[in-house]
Amino acid sequence: MRKLVRGEGPHCLTRYRHGVHRWSLESPTPPEREQVWEYLRTMQGTRCAYCEADIGKPGRAHIEHFRQRDRHPQGTFDWSNLFGSCNREDTCGKFKDACGPYEHSDLLKPDLDEPDDFFIFVNDGTIAPRDNLDEPARKRAIETLRIFNLDAQNGALREMRREAIRPHLDTAQTIMEMFEEYSQSDIQAFIDGEIQNIAHHPFATSIRHTLSVMA
C-alpha cells in the first residue's frame, strides 16, 4: 500500500444517483466504466490500490468500493469511494467485502492516509506496524492488514513481495559497500535514483523500504 493522489473524478458518474440507480454491468455503461478506469489508472497506475500487485492485464482487477455498497449505498457512485483492486479472493477488496463487520474508519484509505507512517515493509516480504505508533494508529495499522489480508502468514502476497525484492538485494549490498568510499549525500542521491527507477513497479513500496533502510 502506498499514498495515492486523487484528482477530480470522471464526469460520467455525476449522472447517477443513489436510490435511483444501482451499480450493475450497465450502470455505469461499459464506455463509462472504461472512463472510470482511465481516471483510476491516472491515480494508481496499473497496480492494485491495496497490495500493489500488477492489475494491468484483463481480468486482473475490478472497480472497488472502499465502503461497501450494501453498508454505505450513498457511496455507490461517489468517485472518492472508488479504487482499482486486484481480483484475488484471498486479499484486498474481495477479501474485505467477505470478512464480516468492521469499522470503516479503522482502515487506512490510500488517498487520505500515508501508509509509510504506519507500516514498515521488510525484505522478507512481511509488513509490520511501526513501533512508534500510538494505540489508535496501531489499531488502524493492524486492522488494515487484517481486513485486506495483506500480510497473511501463508498468503501469496508475502512470496510475491519477496520475489519483487529479490532482484534488488544486490543493489542493497552495493549501497552497503558504498559507505566505505562515498559521502552520505552521494549515497542518498544513488538511493533516490534507484527508488525513482522502480517507482512504478509492482510492490514498489517493499522495494523502496528495502533500499531506504540502507541510508
N, C-alpha and C. Protein backbone atom coordinates (compact mmCIF):
# COMPACT_ATOMS: atom_id res chain seq x y z
N MET A 1 0.85 -1.19 0.00
CA MET A 1 0.00 0.00 0.00
C MET A 1 0.89 1.24 0.00
N ARG A 2 0.51 2.21 -0.84
CA ARG A 2 1.26 3.46 -0.88
C ARG A 2 0.28 4.62 -1.01
N LYS A 3 0.79 5.83 -0.74
CA LYS A 3 -0.05 7.01 -0.80
C LYS A 3 -0.44 7.30 -2.25
N LEU A 4 -1.71 7.58 -2.45
CA LEU A 4 -2.24 7.91 -3.77
C LEU A 4 -2.76 9.34 -3.76
N VAL A 5 -2.68 9.99 -4.89
CA VAL A 5 -3.18 11.35 -5.04
C VAL A 5 -4.39 11.30 -5.96
N ARG A 6 -5.55 11.62 -5.40
CA ARG A 6 -6.79 11.53 -6.16
C ARG A 6 -7.12 12.90 -6.77
N GLY A 7 -7.30 12.91 -8.07
CA GLY A 7 -7.73 14.14 -8.75
C GLY A 7 -9.25 14.16 -8.89
N GLU A 8 -9.72 15.10 -9.67
CA GLU A 8 -11.16 15.17 -9.94
C GLU A 8 -11.62 13.91 -10.67
N GLY A 9 -12.85 13.50 -10.40
CA GLY A 9 -13.36 12.26 -10.96
C GLY A 9 -13.99 12.42 -12.32
N PRO A 10 -14.33 11.29 -12.94
CA PRO A 10 -14.96 11.32 -14.26
C PRO A 10 -16.37 11.92 -14.20
N HIS A 11 -16.67 12.73 -15.17
CA HIS A 11 -17.97 13.42 -15.19
C HIS A 11 -19.12 12.42 -15.32
N CYS A 12 -18.88 11.28 -15.93
CA CYS A 12 -19.96 10.32 -16.18
C CYS A 12 -20.64 9.86 -14.90
N LEU A 13 -19.92 9.85 -13.77
CA LEU A 13 -20.51 9.39 -12.52
C LEU A 13 -21.57 10.33 -11.99
N THR A 14 -21.52 11.59 -12.42
CA THR A 14 -22.44 12.58 -11.86
C THR A 14 -23.89 12.37 -12.31
N ARG A 15 -24.09 11.55 -13.34
CA ARG A 15 -25.46 11.35 -13.81
C ARG A 15 -26.19 10.23 -13.06
N TYR A 16 -25.47 9.59 -12.14
CA TYR A 16 -26.06 8.52 -11.36
C TYR A 16 -26.35 8.99 -9.93
N ARG A 17 -27.44 8.49 -9.38
CA ARG A 17 -27.86 8.89 -8.04
C ARG A 17 -28.20 7.65 -7.21
N HIS A 18 -27.69 7.66 -5.98
CA HIS A 18 -28.08 6.62 -5.02
C HIS A 18 -29.58 6.67 -4.79
N GLY A 19 -30.20 5.51 -4.77
CA GLY A 19 -31.64 5.43 -4.58
C GLY A 19 -32.41 5.44 -5.87
N VAL A 20 -31.75 5.88 -6.94
CA VAL A 20 -32.39 5.88 -8.27
C VAL A 20 -31.74 4.82 -9.15
N HIS A 21 -30.41 4.71 -9.08
CA HIS A 21 -29.67 3.78 -9.92
C HIS A 21 -28.96 2.74 -9.04
N ARG A 22 -28.71 1.58 -9.61
CA ARG A 22 -27.96 0.53 -8.94
C ARG A 22 -26.70 0.24 -9.75
N TRP A 23 -25.61 -0.03 -9.06
CA TRP A 23 -24.36 -0.40 -9.74
C TRP A 23 -24.57 -1.76 -10.41
N SER A 24 -24.35 -1.81 -11.72
CA SER A 24 -24.55 -3.05 -12.47
C SER A 24 -23.66 -3.03 -13.70
N LEU A 25 -23.79 -4.04 -14.54
CA LEU A 25 -22.99 -4.09 -15.76
C LEU A 25 -23.33 -2.95 -16.71
N GLU A 26 -24.49 -2.35 -16.56
CA GLU A 26 -24.92 -1.27 -17.45
C GLU A 26 -24.98 0.09 -16.75
N SER A 27 -24.67 0.15 -15.49
CA SER A 27 -24.63 1.45 -14.82
C SER A 27 -23.51 1.42 -13.77
N PRO A 28 -22.37 2.00 -14.14
CA PRO A 28 -22.09 2.73 -15.38
C PRO A 28 -22.05 1.80 -16.60
N THR A 29 -22.29 2.40 -17.76
CA THR A 29 -22.23 1.65 -19.01
C THR A 29 -20.79 1.23 -19.26
N PRO A 30 -20.55 0.24 -20.13
CA PRO A 30 -19.17 -0.17 -20.42
C PRO A 30 -18.26 0.99 -20.83
N PRO A 31 -18.67 1.92 -21.72
CA PRO A 31 -17.78 3.05 -22.03
C PRO A 31 -17.53 3.94 -20.81
N GLU A 32 -18.55 4.13 -19.98
CA GLU A 32 -18.37 4.94 -18.77
C GLU A 32 -17.46 4.23 -17.78
N ARG A 33 -17.59 2.93 -17.68
CA ARG A 33 -16.73 2.17 -16.78
C ARG A 33 -15.27 2.27 -17.22
N GLU A 34 -15.04 2.24 -18.52
CA GLU A 34 -13.67 2.41 -19.02
C GLU A 34 -13.15 3.81 -18.69
N GLN A 35 -14.03 4.80 -18.73
CA GLN A 35 -13.61 6.14 -18.35
C GLN A 35 -13.23 6.19 -16.87
N VAL A 36 -14.00 5.50 -16.04
CA VAL A 36 -13.65 5.43 -14.61
C VAL A 36 -12.28 4.78 -14.46
N TRP A 37 -12.02 3.73 -15.22
CA TRP A 37 -10.71 3.07 -15.15
C TRP A 37 -9.59 4.01 -15.58
N GLU A 38 -9.84 4.83 -16.59
CA GLU A 38 -8.82 5.78 -17.02
C GLU A 38 -8.44 6.72 -15.88
N TYR A 39 -9.42 7.17 -15.14
CA TYR A 39 -9.15 8.05 -14.01
C TYR A 39 -8.46 7.29 -12.87
N LEU A 40 -8.86 6.05 -12.66
CA LEU A 40 -8.19 5.25 -11.64
C LEU A 40 -6.74 4.99 -12.00
N ARG A 41 -6.47 4.72 -13.28
CA ARG A 41 -5.09 4.48 -13.69
C ARG A 41 -4.25 5.74 -13.55
N THR A 42 -4.86 6.90 -13.75
CA THR A 42 -4.13 8.15 -13.52
C THR A 42 -3.72 8.25 -12.05
N MET A 43 -4.58 7.81 -11.15
CA MET A 43 -4.30 7.89 -9.72
C MET A 43 -3.33 6.80 -9.26
N GLN A 44 -3.50 5.58 -9.72
CA GLN A 44 -2.74 4.48 -9.13
C GLN A 44 -1.95 3.65 -10.12
N GLY A 45 -1.90 4.07 -11.37
CA GLY A 45 -1.17 3.31 -12.37
C GLY A 45 -1.84 1.97 -12.61
N THR A 46 -1.04 0.95 -12.86
CA THR A 46 -1.58 -0.39 -13.11
C THR A 46 -1.29 -1.31 -11.92
N ARG A 47 -1.35 -0.73 -10.72
CA ARG A 47 -1.14 -1.50 -9.50
C ARG A 47 -2.38 -1.45 -8.63
N CYS A 48 -2.66 -2.56 -7.96
CA CYS A 48 -3.75 -2.59 -7.00
C CYS A 48 -3.56 -1.50 -5.96
N ALA A 49 -4.64 -0.82 -5.61
CA ALA A 49 -4.55 0.27 -4.63
C ALA A 49 -4.14 -0.22 -3.26
N TYR A 50 -4.30 -1.51 -2.99
CA TYR A 50 -4.03 -2.02 -1.65
C TYR A 50 -2.74 -2.84 -1.57
N CYS A 51 -2.61 -3.87 -2.40
CA CYS A 51 -1.42 -4.74 -2.29
C CYS A 51 -0.31 -4.34 -3.25
N GLU A 52 -0.60 -3.55 -4.26
CA GLU A 52 0.37 -3.08 -5.28
C GLU A 52 0.73 -4.14 -6.31
N ALA A 53 -0.02 -5.23 -6.37
CA ALA A 53 0.20 -6.20 -7.44
C ALA A 53 -0.20 -5.59 -8.78
N ASP A 54 0.37 -6.13 -9.85
CA ASP A 54 0.05 -5.67 -11.20
C ASP A 54 -1.39 -6.03 -11.54
N ILE A 55 -2.16 -5.05 -11.98
CA ILE A 55 -3.55 -5.31 -12.41
C ILE A 55 -3.75 -4.81 -13.84
N GLY A 56 -2.67 -4.72 -14.60
CA GLY A 56 -2.75 -4.14 -15.93
C GLY A 56 -3.36 -5.04 -16.98
N LYS A 57 -3.35 -6.35 -16.75
CA LYS A 57 -3.87 -7.28 -17.76
C LYS A 57 -5.36 -7.53 -17.54
N PRO A 58 -6.09 -7.82 -18.62
CA PRO A 58 -7.54 -8.07 -18.50
C PRO A 58 -7.83 -9.18 -17.50
N GLY A 59 -8.88 -8.98 -16.72
CA GLY A 59 -9.31 -9.99 -15.77
C GLY A 59 -8.63 -9.95 -14.43
N ARG A 60 -7.67 -9.04 -14.27
CA ARG A 60 -6.93 -9.00 -13.01
C ARG A 60 -7.49 -8.00 -11.99
N ALA A 61 -8.52 -7.24 -12.36
CA ALA A 61 -8.93 -6.15 -11.49
C ALA A 61 -10.43 -5.91 -11.56
N HIS A 62 -10.92 -5.22 -10.55
CA HIS A 62 -12.30 -4.74 -10.54
C HIS A 62 -12.33 -3.37 -9.88
N ILE A 63 -13.40 -2.62 -10.17
CA ILE A 63 -13.58 -1.33 -9.52
C ILE A 63 -14.11 -1.59 -8.12
N GLU A 64 -13.37 -1.17 -7.15
CA GLU A 64 -13.61 -1.49 -5.74
C GLU A 64 -14.26 -0.32 -5.01
N HIS A 65 -15.28 -0.62 -4.23
CA HIS A 65 -15.90 0.38 -3.35
C HIS A 65 -15.25 0.28 -1.98
N PHE A 66 -14.52 1.31 -1.59
CA PHE A 66 -13.82 1.29 -0.31
C PHE A 66 -14.81 1.03 0.82
N ARG A 67 -15.92 1.75 0.84
CA ARG A 67 -17.02 1.44 1.73
C ARG A 67 -18.06 0.67 0.91
N GLN A 68 -18.39 -0.54 1.34
CA GLN A 68 -19.20 -1.44 0.55
C GLN A 68 -20.57 -0.84 0.23
N ARG A 69 -21.07 -1.22 -0.93
CA ARG A 69 -22.34 -0.68 -1.38
C ARG A 69 -23.49 -1.06 -0.44
N ASP A 70 -23.45 -2.27 0.10
CA ASP A 70 -24.57 -2.68 0.95
C ASP A 70 -24.55 -1.98 2.31
N ARG A 71 -23.36 -1.55 2.76
CA ARG A 71 -23.26 -0.89 4.06
C ARG A 71 -23.24 0.63 3.94
N HIS A 72 -22.88 1.11 2.78
CA HIS A 72 -22.80 2.56 2.55
C HIS A 72 -23.30 2.85 1.13
N PRO A 73 -24.59 2.60 0.87
CA PRO A 73 -25.09 2.73 -0.51
C PRO A 73 -24.97 4.12 -1.09
N GLN A 74 -24.93 5.15 -0.25
CA GLN A 74 -24.80 6.51 -0.76
C GLN A 74 -23.43 6.76 -1.39
N GLY A 75 -22.48 5.85 -1.17
CA GLY A 75 -21.17 5.99 -1.79
C GLY A 75 -21.01 5.19 -3.07
N THR A 76 -22.10 4.62 -3.57
CA THR A 76 -22.01 3.72 -4.73
C THR A 76 -21.39 4.39 -5.94
N PHE A 77 -21.80 5.63 -6.25
CA PHE A 77 -21.29 6.33 -7.43
C PHE A 77 -20.41 7.52 -7.03
N ASP A 78 -19.91 7.48 -5.82
CA ASP A 78 -19.05 8.55 -5.30
C ASP A 78 -17.61 8.27 -5.71
N TRP A 79 -17.04 9.15 -6.53
CA TRP A 79 -15.68 8.96 -7.02
C TRP A 79 -14.69 8.75 -5.88
N SER A 80 -14.86 9.44 -4.76
CA SER A 80 -13.91 9.33 -3.65
C SER A 80 -13.97 7.96 -2.98
N ASN A 81 -14.96 7.16 -3.31
CA ASN A 81 -15.12 5.84 -2.71
C ASN A 81 -14.61 4.72 -3.60
N LEU A 82 -14.06 5.05 -4.77
CA LEU A 82 -13.66 4.04 -5.75
C LEU A 82 -12.15 3.89 -5.86
N PHE A 83 -11.71 2.65 -5.93
CA PHE A 83 -10.31 2.31 -6.21
C PHE A 83 -10.30 1.15 -7.20
N GLY A 84 -9.14 0.92 -7.78
CA GLY A 84 -8.93 -0.27 -8.58
C GLY A 84 -8.25 -1.32 -7.72
N SER A 85 -8.89 -2.49 -7.58
CA SER A 85 -8.35 -3.56 -6.74
C SER A 85 -8.07 -4.79 -7.58
N CYS A 86 -7.11 -5.59 -7.12
CA CYS A 86 -6.85 -6.87 -7.77
C CYS A 86 -8.05 -7.79 -7.56
N ASN A 87 -8.09 -8.87 -8.31
CA ASN A 87 -9.21 -9.80 -8.25
C ASN A 87 -8.95 -11.01 -7.36
N ARG A 88 -7.88 -10.99 -6.58
CA ARG A 88 -7.58 -12.12 -5.71
C ARG A 88 -8.67 -12.25 -4.65
N GLU A 89 -9.16 -13.46 -4.45
CA GLU A 89 -10.21 -13.69 -3.47
C GLU A 89 -9.68 -13.64 -2.04
N ASP A 90 -8.37 -13.89 -1.87
CA ASP A 90 -7.80 -14.03 -0.54
C ASP A 90 -7.14 -12.76 -0.02
N THR A 91 -7.41 -11.64 -0.67
CA THR A 91 -6.79 -10.39 -0.22
C THR A 91 -7.52 -9.20 -0.83
N CYS A 92 -7.19 -8.03 -0.34
CA CYS A 92 -7.62 -6.74 -0.90
C CYS A 92 -9.14 -6.59 -0.91
N GLY A 93 -9.70 -6.00 -1.97
CA GLY A 93 -11.11 -5.63 -1.97
C GLY A 93 -12.05 -6.78 -1.78
N LYS A 94 -11.83 -7.88 -2.48
CA LYS A 94 -12.75 -9.02 -2.37
C LYS A 94 -12.70 -9.65 -0.99
N PHE A 95 -11.52 -9.74 -0.41
CA PHE A 95 -11.42 -10.28 0.94
C PHE A 95 -12.11 -9.36 1.94
N LYS A 96 -11.89 -8.06 1.79
CA LYS A 96 -12.52 -7.07 2.67
C LYS A 96 -14.04 -7.24 2.67
N ASP A 97 -14.60 -7.37 1.49
CA ASP A 97 -16.06 -7.43 1.38
C ASP A 97 -16.64 -8.73 1.94
N ALA A 98 -15.78 -9.74 2.14
CA ALA A 98 -16.27 -11.02 2.65
C ALA A 98 -15.85 -11.29 4.10
N CYS A 99 -15.14 -10.36 4.71
CA CYS A 99 -14.53 -10.66 6.01
C CYS A 99 -15.45 -10.40 7.19
N GLY A 100 -16.64 -9.86 6.98
CA GLY A 100 -17.55 -9.62 8.08
C GLY A 100 -17.51 -8.17 8.55
N PRO A 101 -18.31 -7.85 9.56
CA PRO A 101 -18.43 -6.46 10.02
C PRO A 101 -17.10 -5.89 10.55
N TYR A 102 -16.88 -4.64 10.30
CA TYR A 102 -15.73 -3.91 10.83
C TYR A 102 -16.08 -2.43 10.79
N GLU A 103 -15.28 -1.63 11.45
CA GLU A 103 -15.48 -0.19 11.46
C GLU A 103 -14.64 0.43 10.34
N HIS A 104 -15.29 1.04 9.36
CA HIS A 104 -14.56 1.52 8.18
C HIS A 104 -13.50 2.55 8.54
N SER A 105 -13.71 3.30 9.62
CA SER A 105 -12.73 4.32 10.00
C SER A 105 -11.44 3.71 10.53
N ASP A 106 -11.44 2.41 10.82
CA ASP A 106 -10.21 1.74 11.24
C ASP A 106 -9.29 1.43 10.07
N LEU A 107 -9.80 1.52 8.84
CA LEU A 107 -8.99 1.21 7.66
C LEU A 107 -8.20 2.43 7.21
N LEU A 108 -6.96 2.21 6.80
CA LEU A 108 -6.22 3.26 6.11
C LEU A 108 -6.79 3.41 4.71
N LYS A 109 -7.02 4.64 4.30
CA LYS A 109 -7.53 4.93 2.95
C LYS A 109 -6.37 5.55 2.17
N PRO A 110 -5.92 4.87 1.11
CA PRO A 110 -4.66 5.27 0.46
C PRO A 110 -4.62 6.69 -0.09
N ASP A 111 -5.77 7.27 -0.42
CA ASP A 111 -5.74 8.63 -0.94
C ASP A 111 -5.86 9.68 0.17
N LEU A 112 -6.05 9.24 1.41
CA LEU A 112 -6.12 10.17 2.54
C LEU A 112 -4.99 9.96 3.54
N ASP A 113 -4.62 8.71 3.76
CA ASP A 113 -3.58 8.38 4.74
C ASP A 113 -2.26 8.08 4.04
N GLU A 114 -1.17 8.28 4.78
CA GLU A 114 0.17 7.95 4.28
C GLU A 114 0.59 6.61 4.89
N PRO A 115 0.51 5.52 4.13
CA PRO A 115 0.84 4.21 4.69
C PRO A 115 2.25 4.13 5.27
N ASP A 116 3.19 4.90 4.72
CA ASP A 116 4.55 4.88 5.26
C ASP A 116 4.60 5.30 6.72
N ASP A 117 3.61 6.08 7.16
CA ASP A 117 3.57 6.50 8.56
C ASP A 117 3.15 5.36 9.48
N PHE A 118 2.59 4.29 8.92
CA PHE A 118 2.02 3.21 9.71
C PHE A 118 2.77 1.89 9.59
N PHE A 119 3.42 1.65 8.44
CA PHE A 119 3.99 0.34 8.16
C PHE A 119 5.47 0.40 7.82
N ILE A 120 6.14 -0.70 8.14
CA ILE A 120 7.47 -0.99 7.61
C ILE A 120 7.35 -2.24 6.75
N PHE A 121 7.80 -2.16 5.50
CA PHE A 121 7.81 -3.30 4.60
C PHE A 121 9.20 -3.93 4.68
N VAL A 122 9.25 -5.18 5.14
CA VAL A 122 10.51 -5.86 5.41
C VAL A 122 10.93 -6.66 4.19
N ASN A 123 12.26 -6.86 4.04
CA ASN A 123 12.73 -7.51 2.82
C ASN A 123 12.44 -9.00 2.77
N ASP A 124 11.84 -9.56 3.82
CA ASP A 124 11.40 -10.96 3.75
C ASP A 124 9.96 -11.07 3.27
N GLY A 125 9.38 -9.94 2.85
CA GLY A 125 8.03 -9.93 2.31
C GLY A 125 6.95 -9.61 3.31
N THR A 126 7.30 -9.50 4.58
CA THR A 126 6.31 -9.19 5.60
C THR A 126 6.09 -7.69 5.71
N ILE A 127 4.99 -7.33 6.39
CA ILE A 127 4.68 -5.94 6.69
C ILE A 127 4.45 -5.84 8.19
N ALA A 128 5.06 -4.85 8.84
CA ALA A 128 4.92 -4.69 10.29
C ALA A 128 4.47 -3.28 10.62
N PRO A 129 3.57 -3.13 11.60
CA PRO A 129 3.24 -1.78 12.09
C PRO A 129 4.49 -1.14 12.69
N ARG A 130 4.63 0.14 12.51
CA ARG A 130 5.78 0.85 13.07
C ARG A 130 5.72 0.82 14.60
N ASP A 131 6.89 0.82 15.22
CA ASP A 131 6.98 0.72 16.68
C ASP A 131 6.49 1.98 17.39
N ASN A 132 6.56 3.13 16.70
CA ASN A 132 6.29 4.40 17.38
C ASN A 132 4.82 4.83 17.31
N LEU A 133 3.93 3.94 16.90
CA LEU A 133 2.53 4.31 16.75
C LEU A 133 1.85 4.38 18.12
N ASP A 134 0.95 5.35 18.28
CA ASP A 134 0.11 5.34 19.47
C ASP A 134 -0.98 4.28 19.29
N GLU A 135 -1.78 4.04 20.32
CA GLU A 135 -2.73 2.94 20.28
C GLU A 135 -3.78 3.07 19.17
N PRO A 136 -4.38 4.27 18.96
CA PRO A 136 -5.34 4.38 17.85
C PRO A 136 -4.71 4.10 16.48
N ALA A 137 -3.49 4.63 16.27
CA ALA A 137 -2.81 4.40 14.99
C ALA A 137 -2.42 2.94 14.83
N ARG A 138 -1.97 2.31 15.91
CA ARG A 138 -1.61 0.89 15.85
C ARG A 138 -2.84 0.04 15.51
N LYS A 139 -3.96 0.39 16.10
CA LYS A 139 -5.18 -0.35 15.79
C LYS A 139 -5.51 -0.23 14.31
N ARG A 140 -5.39 0.96 13.75
CA ARG A 140 -5.69 1.15 12.33
C ARG A 140 -4.73 0.34 11.46
N ALA A 141 -3.45 0.33 11.83
CA ALA A 141 -2.47 -0.44 11.06
C ALA A 141 -2.80 -1.93 11.09
N ILE A 142 -3.08 -2.46 12.29
CA ILE A 142 -3.37 -3.88 12.43
C ILE A 142 -4.66 -4.25 11.71
N GLU A 143 -5.69 -3.41 11.86
CA GLU A 143 -6.96 -3.69 11.21
C GLU A 143 -6.85 -3.62 9.69
N THR A 144 -6.06 -2.70 9.18
CA THR A 144 -5.87 -2.61 7.73
C THR A 144 -5.21 -3.87 7.20
N LEU A 145 -4.18 -4.35 7.88
CA LEU A 145 -3.53 -5.59 7.47
C LEU A 145 -4.50 -6.76 7.55
N ARG A 146 -5.33 -6.79 8.58
CA ARG A 146 -6.26 -7.91 8.77
C ARG A 146 -7.39 -7.88 7.76
N ILE A 147 -8.02 -6.75 7.60
CA ILE A 147 -9.23 -6.68 6.78
C ILE A 147 -8.91 -6.82 5.29
N PHE A 148 -7.75 -6.33 4.87
CA PHE A 148 -7.33 -6.54 3.48
C PHE A 148 -6.47 -7.80 3.34
N ASN A 149 -6.16 -8.44 4.45
CA ASN A 149 -5.34 -9.66 4.45
C ASN A 149 -4.03 -9.46 3.69
N LEU A 150 -3.35 -8.39 4.01
CA LEU A 150 -2.14 -8.02 3.27
C LEU A 150 -0.88 -8.74 3.74
N ASP A 151 -0.94 -9.38 4.93
CA ASP A 151 0.29 -9.99 5.46
C ASP A 151 0.01 -11.36 6.06
N ALA A 152 -0.85 -12.13 5.43
CA ALA A 152 -1.16 -13.46 5.93
C ALA A 152 0.10 -14.33 5.95
N GLN A 153 0.27 -15.09 7.01
CA GLN A 153 1.49 -15.88 7.19
C GLN A 153 1.74 -16.82 6.03
N ASN A 154 0.71 -17.46 5.56
CA ASN A 154 0.85 -18.40 4.45
C ASN A 154 0.21 -17.88 3.17
N GLY A 155 -0.02 -16.57 3.12
CA GLY A 155 -0.63 -15.98 1.95
C GLY A 155 0.35 -15.78 0.81
N ALA A 156 -0.19 -15.61 -0.38
CA ALA A 156 0.66 -15.45 -1.57
C ALA A 156 1.40 -14.12 -1.59
N LEU A 157 0.84 -13.09 -0.95
CA LEU A 157 1.44 -11.76 -1.06
C LEU A 157 2.85 -11.69 -0.49
N ARG A 158 3.09 -12.39 0.61
CA ARG A 158 4.45 -12.36 1.16
C ARG A 158 5.47 -12.88 0.14
N GLU A 159 5.14 -13.99 -0.50
CA GLU A 159 6.05 -14.55 -1.51
C GLU A 159 6.17 -13.62 -2.71
N MET A 160 5.08 -13.02 -3.12
CA MET A 160 5.11 -12.10 -4.25
C MET A 160 6.00 -10.89 -3.94
N ARG A 161 5.92 -10.38 -2.72
CA ARG A 161 6.78 -9.26 -2.35
C ARG A 161 8.24 -9.71 -2.27
N ARG A 162 8.49 -10.89 -1.72
CA ARG A 162 9.87 -11.39 -1.67
C ARG A 162 10.46 -11.48 -3.07
N GLU A 163 9.68 -12.01 -4.00
CA GLU A 163 10.17 -12.15 -5.37
C GLU A 163 10.41 -10.79 -6.02
N ALA A 164 9.58 -9.81 -5.69
CA ALA A 164 9.78 -8.46 -6.24
C ALA A 164 11.05 -7.82 -5.68
N ILE A 165 11.34 -8.10 -4.42
CA ILE A 165 12.52 -7.53 -3.76
C ILE A 165 13.80 -8.21 -4.21
N ARG A 166 13.73 -9.51 -4.47
CA ARG A 166 14.93 -10.31 -4.70
C ARG A 166 15.91 -9.70 -5.72
N PRO A 167 15.45 -9.22 -6.89
CA PRO A 167 16.42 -8.66 -7.85
C PRO A 167 17.13 -7.41 -7.35
N HIS A 168 16.62 -6.80 -6.29
CA HIS A 168 17.20 -5.55 -5.80
C HIS A 168 18.10 -5.74 -4.58
N LEU A 169 18.28 -6.98 -4.14
CA LEU A 169 19.13 -7.23 -2.98
C LEU A 169 20.59 -6.94 -3.31
N ASP A 170 21.00 -7.18 -4.56
CA ASP A 170 22.37 -6.84 -4.96
C ASP A 170 22.58 -5.33 -4.88
N THR A 171 21.54 -4.57 -5.26
CA THR A 171 21.64 -3.11 -5.15
C THR A 171 21.78 -2.70 -3.69
N ALA A 172 21.05 -3.37 -2.81
CA ALA A 172 21.16 -3.08 -1.38
C ALA A 172 22.56 -3.37 -0.88
N GLN A 173 23.16 -4.47 -1.35
CA GLN A 173 24.54 -4.79 -0.97
C GLN A 173 25.50 -3.74 -1.49
N THR A 174 25.28 -3.29 -2.72
CA THR A 174 26.13 -2.23 -3.29
C THR A 174 26.06 -0.97 -2.43
N ILE A 175 24.87 -0.64 -1.97
CA ILE A 175 24.71 0.55 -1.13
C ILE A 175 25.51 0.40 0.15
N MET A 176 25.48 -0.78 0.76
CA MET A 176 26.25 -1.00 1.97
C MET A 176 27.74 -0.81 1.73
N GLU A 177 28.22 -1.30 0.59
CA GLU A 177 29.64 -1.18 0.26
C GLU A 177 30.04 0.26 -0.04
N MET A 178 29.10 1.06 -0.48
CA MET A 178 29.40 2.46 -0.82
C MET A 178 29.79 3.28 0.40
N PHE A 179 29.38 2.85 1.59
CA PHE A 179 29.69 3.61 2.80
C PHE A 179 31.20 3.71 3.03
N GLU A 180 31.95 2.79 2.45
CA GLU A 180 33.40 2.81 2.63
C GLU A 180 34.08 3.89 1.79
N GLU A 181 33.43 4.33 0.72
CA GLU A 181 34.11 5.23 -0.21
C GLU A 181 33.37 6.53 -0.49
N TYR A 182 32.05 6.59 -0.23
CA TYR A 182 31.26 7.72 -0.68
C TYR A 182 30.64 8.46 0.51
N SER A 183 30.33 9.71 0.26
CA SER A 183 29.70 10.53 1.30
C SER A 183 28.23 10.14 1.45
N GLN A 184 27.65 10.56 2.57
CA GLN A 184 26.24 10.28 2.81
C GLN A 184 25.36 10.90 1.73
N SER A 185 25.71 12.09 1.30
CA SER A 185 24.90 12.76 0.28
C SER A 185 24.99 12.02 -1.06
N ASP A 186 26.17 11.50 -1.40
CA ASP A 186 26.31 10.73 -2.64
C ASP A 186 25.51 9.43 -2.57
N ILE A 187 25.55 8.77 -1.42
CA ILE A 187 24.80 7.53 -1.24
C ILE A 187 23.30 7.78 -1.33
N GLN A 188 22.86 8.87 -0.69
CA GLN A 188 21.43 9.19 -0.72
C GLN A 188 20.98 9.50 -2.14
N ALA A 189 21.82 10.20 -2.90
CA ALA A 189 21.48 10.51 -4.29
C ALA A 189 21.36 9.23 -5.11
N PHE A 190 22.25 8.27 -4.84
CA PHE A 190 22.18 6.98 -5.53
C PHE A 190 20.89 6.24 -5.18
N ILE A 191 20.56 6.22 -3.88
CA ILE A 191 19.34 5.55 -3.45
C ILE A 191 18.12 6.22 -4.06
N ASP A 192 18.10 7.54 -4.05
CA ASP A 192 16.96 8.27 -4.62
C ASP A 192 16.78 7.92 -6.09
N GLY A 193 17.88 7.79 -6.82
CA GLY A 193 17.80 7.42 -8.23
C GLY A 193 17.25 6.02 -8.42
N GLU A 194 17.70 5.09 -7.59
CA GLU A 194 17.20 3.71 -7.68
C GLU A 194 15.70 3.65 -7.36
N ILE A 195 15.29 4.41 -6.35
CA ILE A 195 13.88 4.42 -5.98
C ILE A 195 13.03 5.01 -7.09
N GLN A 196 13.55 6.04 -7.74
CA GLN A 196 12.82 6.62 -8.86
C GLN A 196 12.66 5.61 -9.99
N ASN A 197 13.68 4.79 -10.20
CA ASN A 197 13.64 3.81 -11.28
C ASN A 197 12.58 2.74 -11.06
N ILE A 198 12.28 2.44 -9.80
CA ILE A 198 11.32 1.36 -9.53
C ILE A 198 9.95 1.90 -9.08
N ALA A 199 9.75 3.18 -9.18
CA ALA A 199 8.56 3.82 -8.62
C ALA A 199 7.25 3.24 -9.15
N HIS A 200 7.26 2.75 -10.39
CA HIS A 200 6.03 2.26 -10.99
C HIS A 200 5.99 0.73 -11.07
N HIS A 201 6.94 0.06 -10.40
CA HIS A 201 6.97 -1.40 -10.41
C HIS A 201 5.92 -1.96 -9.45
N PRO A 202 5.41 -3.16 -9.72
CA PRO A 202 4.58 -3.82 -8.71
C PRO A 202 5.37 -3.96 -7.40
N PHE A 203 4.69 -3.77 -6.29
CA PHE A 203 5.28 -3.88 -4.95
C PHE A 203 6.45 -2.91 -4.75
N ALA A 204 6.35 -1.75 -5.36
CA ALA A 204 7.43 -0.77 -5.28
C ALA A 204 7.69 -0.31 -3.85
N THR A 205 6.66 -0.28 -3.00
CA THR A 205 6.88 0.16 -1.63
C THR A 205 7.81 -0.80 -0.90
N SER A 206 7.63 -2.09 -1.10
CA SER A 206 8.52 -3.07 -0.47
C SER A 206 9.96 -2.89 -0.95
N ILE A 207 10.14 -2.66 -2.24
CA ILE A 207 11.48 -2.44 -2.79
C ILE A 207 12.06 -1.16 -2.22
N ARG A 208 11.25 -0.11 -2.19
CA ARG A 208 11.73 1.18 -1.68
C ARG A 208 12.16 1.10 -0.23
N HIS A 209 11.38 0.42 0.60
CA HIS A 209 11.76 0.28 2.01
C HIS A 209 13.05 -0.52 2.15
N THR A 210 13.24 -1.54 1.32
CA THR A 210 14.46 -2.32 1.37
C THR A 210 15.69 -1.48 1.05
N LEU A 211 15.56 -0.62 0.05
CA LEU A 211 16.68 0.24 -0.32
C LEU A 211 16.87 1.39 0.67
N SER A 212 15.76 1.94 1.16
CA SER A 212 15.86 3.10 2.04
C SER A 212 16.49 2.78 3.38
N VAL A 213 16.31 1.54 3.85
CA VAL A 213 16.85 1.18 5.15
C VAL A 213 18.37 1.20 5.14
N MET A 214 18.95 1.22 3.93
CA MET A 214 20.42 1.25 3.82
C MET A 214 20.98 2.65 4.02
N ALA A 215 20.10 3.66 3.94
CA ALA A 215 20.59 5.06 4.01
C ALA A 215 21.08 5.39 5.41
